[in-house]
Amino acid sequence: MIVDNLDKTYLLFGIFAGILVFASSVGFILKQKAGHQPAPVIDNLNARINAWWVMLIVIGAAILLGQTAFIILFGIISLFALREFTSLLPT
């Protein structure tokens, strides 16, 4: 059986989606156990998990839209990374 790059990509996205489903389930259970008490650590965990969901969906959409969309997304991400890097440099 020959697995091409597209199949590997789908497999990788499936693995990441499975991990995120598990993490989301854990975050939901922890939030339910905390009840009505404020739980900033659990809220932070759930916010980070939701951010990973958004990243996975955006990258998946760019891959499905084609090579040009993926290159444009990579360029935008690179510009944001460069902006963060230059903000840390001493002036």
N, C-alpha and C. Protein backbone atom coordinates (compact mmCIF):
# COMPACT_ATOMS: atom_id res chain seq x y z
N MET A 1 0.84 -1.19 0.00
CA MET A 1 0.00 0.00 0.00
C MET A 1 0.88 1.25 0.00
N ILE A 2 0.68 2.09 -0.97
CA ILE A 2 1.45 3.32 -1.09
C ILE A 2 0.61 4.46 -0.54
N VAL A 3 1.22 5.21 0.39
CA VAL A 3 0.54 6.35 1.00
C VAL A 3 1.18 7.61 0.45
N ASP A 4 0.38 8.43 -0.24
CA ASP A 4 0.94 9.66 -0.78
C ASP A 4 0.85 10.78 0.25
N ASN A 5 1.37 11.94 -0.11
CA ASN A 5 1.45 13.05 0.83
C ASN A 5 0.08 13.53 1.28
N LEU A 6 -0.90 13.51 0.40
CA LEU A 6 -2.25 13.97 0.77
C LEU A 6 -2.86 13.04 1.82
N ASP A 7 -2.65 11.74 1.66
CA ASP A 7 -3.15 10.79 2.66
C ASP A 7 -2.45 10.99 4.00
N LYS A 8 -1.15 11.27 3.96
CA LYS A 8 -0.42 11.54 5.20
C LYS A 8 -0.94 12.80 5.88
N THR A 9 -1.28 13.80 5.07
CA THR A 9 -1.81 15.04 5.62
C THR A 9 -3.15 14.80 6.30
N TYR A 10 -4.02 14.05 5.63
CA TYR A 10 -5.32 13.73 6.23
C TYR A 10 -5.16 12.92 7.50
N LEU A 11 -4.22 11.99 7.51
CA LEU A 11 -3.96 11.19 8.71
C LEU A 11 -3.47 12.07 9.85
N LEU A 12 -2.57 13.00 9.54
CA LEU A 12 -2.05 13.91 10.56
C LEU A 12 -3.15 14.79 11.12
N PHE A 13 -4.02 15.31 10.25
CA PHE A 13 -5.14 16.13 10.73
C PHE A 13 -6.10 15.29 11.57
N GLY A 14 -6.30 14.04 11.19
CA GLY A 14 -7.15 13.16 11.99
C GLY A 14 -6.58 12.91 13.37
N ILE A 15 -5.28 12.73 13.44
CA ILE A 15 -4.63 12.52 14.74
C ILE A 15 -4.76 13.77 15.61
N PHE A 16 -4.48 14.94 15.01
CA PHE A 16 -4.62 16.19 15.77
C PHE A 16 -6.05 16.43 16.21
N ALA A 17 -7.00 16.13 15.34
CA ALA A 17 -8.41 16.31 15.70
C ALA A 17 -8.78 15.37 16.85
N GLY A 18 -8.28 14.13 16.82
CA GLY A 18 -8.55 13.20 17.90
C GLY A 18 -7.97 13.67 19.22
N ILE A 19 -6.75 14.20 19.17
CA ILE A 19 -6.13 14.73 20.39
C ILE A 19 -6.93 15.91 20.92
N LEU A 20 -7.39 16.78 20.01
CA LEU A 20 -8.16 17.94 20.45
C LEU A 20 -9.53 17.55 20.98
N VAL A 21 -10.14 16.51 20.42
CA VAL A 21 -11.42 16.03 20.97
C VAL A 21 -11.20 15.52 22.39
N PHE A 22 -10.12 14.77 22.59
CA PHE A 22 -9.81 14.28 23.94
C PHE A 22 -9.55 15.44 24.89
N ALA A 23 -8.74 16.42 24.47
CA ALA A 23 -8.43 17.56 25.32
C ALA A 23 -9.68 18.38 25.63
N SER A 24 -10.54 18.56 24.62
CA SER A 24 -11.78 19.30 24.86
C SER A 24 -12.68 18.58 25.84
N SER A 25 -12.72 17.27 25.75
CA SER A 25 -13.52 16.47 26.68
C SER A 25 -12.99 16.61 28.11
N VAL A 26 -11.67 16.55 28.24
CA VAL A 26 -11.08 16.71 29.58
C VAL A 26 -11.37 18.10 30.13
N GLY A 27 -11.23 19.13 29.29
CA GLY A 27 -11.53 20.49 29.73
C GLY A 27 -12.98 20.66 30.13
N PHE A 28 -13.89 20.03 29.38
CA PHE A 28 -15.31 20.10 29.71
C PHE A 28 -15.60 19.41 31.04
N ILE A 29 -15.02 18.25 31.25
CA ILE A 29 -15.23 17.51 32.50
C ILE A 29 -14.67 18.30 33.68
N LEU A 30 -13.47 18.86 33.52
CA LEU A 30 -12.88 19.66 34.60
C LEU A 30 -13.75 20.87 34.92
N LYS A 31 -14.30 21.51 33.89
CA LYS A 31 -15.16 22.67 34.12
C LYS A 31 -16.45 22.27 34.85
N GLN A 32 -16.99 21.10 34.51
CA GLN A 32 -18.20 20.61 35.19
C GLN A 32 -17.91 20.28 36.65
N LYS A 33 -16.74 19.70 36.91
CA LYS A 33 -16.39 19.36 38.30
C LYS A 33 -16.14 20.60 39.13
N ALA A 34 -15.67 21.68 38.50
CA ALA A 34 -15.42 22.92 39.24
C ALA A 34 -16.73 23.58 39.65
N GLY A 35 -17.79 23.30 38.93
CA GLY A 35 -19.09 23.87 39.27
C GLY A 35 -19.13 25.36 39.02
N HIS A 36 -19.74 26.07 39.97
CA HIS A 36 -19.91 27.51 39.82
C HIS A 36 -18.75 28.29 40.43
N GLN A 37 -17.76 27.58 40.97
CA GLN A 37 -16.61 28.26 41.54
C GLN A 37 -15.73 28.82 40.42
N PRO A 38 -15.11 29.97 40.65
CA PRO A 38 -14.21 30.49 39.62
C PRO A 38 -12.99 29.57 39.47
N ALA A 39 -12.67 29.24 38.25
CA ALA A 39 -11.54 28.35 37.97
C ALA A 39 -10.72 28.95 36.82
N PRO A 40 -9.84 29.90 37.13
CA PRO A 40 -9.08 30.56 36.05
C PRO A 40 -8.13 29.61 35.31
N VAL A 41 -7.61 28.61 35.99
CA VAL A 41 -6.70 27.67 35.33
C VAL A 41 -7.45 26.85 34.28
N ILE A 42 -8.64 26.39 34.64
CA ILE A 42 -9.44 25.59 33.71
C ILE A 42 -9.93 26.47 32.55
N ASP A 43 -10.29 27.71 32.85
CA ASP A 43 -10.71 28.62 31.79
C ASP A 43 -9.56 28.89 30.82
N ASN A 44 -8.35 29.04 31.35
CA ASN A 44 -7.18 29.25 30.51
C ASN A 44 -6.92 28.02 29.65
N LEU A 45 -7.05 26.83 30.24
CA LEU A 45 -6.87 25.59 29.48
C LEU A 45 -7.87 25.50 28.34
N ASN A 46 -9.13 25.77 28.63
CA ASN A 46 -10.17 25.69 27.59
C ASN A 46 -9.96 26.75 26.51
N ALA A 47 -9.50 27.93 26.89
CA ALA A 47 -9.22 28.97 25.89
C ALA A 47 -8.09 28.54 24.96
N ARG A 48 -7.07 27.92 25.52
CA ARG A 48 -5.95 27.45 24.69
C ARG A 48 -6.38 26.32 23.76
N ILE A 49 -7.21 25.41 24.27
CA ILE A 49 -7.71 24.32 23.44
C ILE A 49 -8.56 24.87 22.29
N ASN A 50 -9.40 25.86 22.59
CA ASN A 50 -10.22 26.48 21.54
C ASN A 50 -9.34 27.18 20.50
N ALA A 51 -8.24 27.79 20.95
CA ALA A 51 -7.33 28.43 20.00
C ALA A 51 -6.70 27.38 19.08
N TRP A 52 -6.38 26.21 19.62
CA TRP A 52 -5.83 25.14 18.79
C TRP A 52 -6.85 24.66 17.78
N TRP A 53 -8.13 24.62 18.17
CA TRP A 53 -9.18 24.24 17.22
C TRP A 53 -9.23 25.23 16.06
N VAL A 54 -9.14 26.52 16.39
CA VAL A 54 -9.18 27.55 15.34
C VAL A 54 -7.98 27.38 14.41
N MET A 55 -6.80 27.17 14.98
CA MET A 55 -5.61 26.99 14.15
C MET A 55 -5.75 25.78 13.23
N LEU A 56 -6.26 24.68 13.76
CA LEU A 56 -6.42 23.47 12.95
C LEU A 56 -7.41 23.71 11.82
N ILE A 57 -8.50 24.40 12.09
CA ILE A 57 -9.51 24.68 11.07
C ILE A 57 -8.96 25.62 9.99
N VAL A 58 -8.24 26.66 10.39
CA VAL A 58 -7.69 27.61 9.42
C VAL A 58 -6.65 26.93 8.52
N ILE A 59 -5.75 26.16 9.10
CA ILE A 59 -4.74 25.48 8.29
C ILE A 59 -5.39 24.43 7.41
N GLY A 60 -6.38 23.71 7.93
CA GLY A 60 -7.09 22.72 7.11
C GLY A 60 -7.81 23.36 5.95
N ALA A 61 -8.44 24.51 6.19
CA ALA A 61 -9.13 25.21 5.10
C ALA A 61 -8.14 25.69 4.05
N ALA A 62 -6.98 26.18 4.49
CA ALA A 62 -5.97 26.63 3.53
C ALA A 62 -5.45 25.47 2.69
N ILE A 63 -5.28 24.32 3.30
CA ILE A 63 -4.81 23.15 2.55
C ILE A 63 -5.87 22.70 1.56
N LEU A 64 -7.13 22.72 1.97
CA LEU A 64 -8.19 22.31 1.06
C LEU A 64 -8.39 23.30 -0.09
N LEU A 65 -8.11 24.58 0.16
CA LEU A 65 -8.27 25.59 -0.89
C LEU A 65 -7.16 25.53 -1.93
N GLY A 66 -6.05 24.93 -1.59
CA GLY A 66 -4.99 24.76 -2.58
C GLY A 66 -3.67 25.37 -2.16
N GLN A 67 -2.71 25.19 -3.04
CA GLN A 67 -1.35 25.60 -2.76
C GLN A 67 -1.23 27.11 -2.60
N THR A 68 -1.92 27.88 -3.43
CA THR A 68 -1.82 29.34 -3.35
C THR A 68 -2.34 29.86 -2.01
N ALA A 69 -3.47 29.35 -1.57
CA ALA A 69 -4.03 29.77 -0.28
C ALA A 69 -3.10 29.40 0.86
N PHE A 70 -2.48 28.23 0.78
CA PHE A 70 -1.57 27.80 1.84
C PHE A 70 -0.33 28.69 1.86
N ILE A 71 0.18 29.08 0.70
CA ILE A 71 1.36 29.95 0.65
C ILE A 71 1.02 31.33 1.19
N ILE A 72 -0.17 31.84 0.86
CA ILE A 72 -0.59 33.14 1.39
C ILE A 72 -0.74 33.08 2.90
N LEU A 73 -1.34 32.01 3.42
CA LEU A 73 -1.46 31.86 4.87
C LEU A 73 -0.09 31.79 5.53
N PHE A 74 0.83 31.04 4.93
CA PHE A 74 2.18 30.95 5.47
C PHE A 74 2.85 32.32 5.49
N GLY A 75 2.65 33.12 4.43
CA GLY A 75 3.21 34.47 4.39
C GLY A 75 2.65 35.36 5.48
N ILE A 76 1.34 35.28 5.70
CA ILE A 76 0.72 36.10 6.74
C ILE A 76 1.23 35.70 8.12
N ILE A 77 1.33 34.40 8.36
CA ILE A 77 1.85 33.93 9.65
C ILE A 77 3.29 34.37 9.83
N SER A 78 4.09 34.32 8.75
CA SER A 78 5.48 34.75 8.82
C SER A 78 5.59 36.24 9.14
N LEU A 79 4.72 37.04 8.56
CA LEU A 79 4.74 38.48 8.85
C LEU A 79 4.41 38.76 10.32
N PHE A 80 3.42 38.04 10.87
CA PHE A 80 3.10 38.21 12.29
C PHE A 80 4.26 37.78 13.17
N ALA A 81 4.93 36.70 12.81
CA ALA A 81 6.08 36.23 13.59
C ALA A 81 7.22 37.24 13.52
N LEU A 82 7.46 37.81 12.33
CA LEU A 82 8.50 38.83 12.19
C LEU A 82 8.17 40.06 13.02
N ARG A 83 6.91 40.43 13.03
CA ARG A 83 6.48 41.59 13.82
C ARG A 83 6.73 41.36 15.31
N GLU A 84 6.42 40.17 15.80
CA GLU A 84 6.68 39.84 17.20
C GLU A 84 8.18 39.83 17.49
N PHE A 85 8.96 39.30 16.56
CA PHE A 85 10.40 39.24 16.76
C PHE A 85 11.00 40.63 16.82
N THR A 86 10.59 41.50 15.92
CA THR A 86 11.15 42.85 15.92
C THR A 86 10.71 43.66 17.14
N SER A 87 9.57 43.33 17.71
CA SER A 87 9.14 44.05 18.92
C SER A 87 10.01 43.66 20.12
N LEU A 88 10.68 42.51 20.06
CA LEU A 88 11.54 42.08 21.16
C LEU A 88 12.97 42.59 21.04
N LEU A 89 13.33 43.09 19.85
CA LEU A 89 14.70 43.58 19.64
C LEU A 89 14.90 44.91 20.36
N PRO A 90 16.09 45.08 20.92
CA PRO A 90 16.36 46.38 21.56
C PRO A 90 16.52 47.48 20.50
N THR A 91 15.93 48.61 20.77
CA THR A 91 16.01 49.71 19.79
C THR A 91 16.91 50.82 20.29
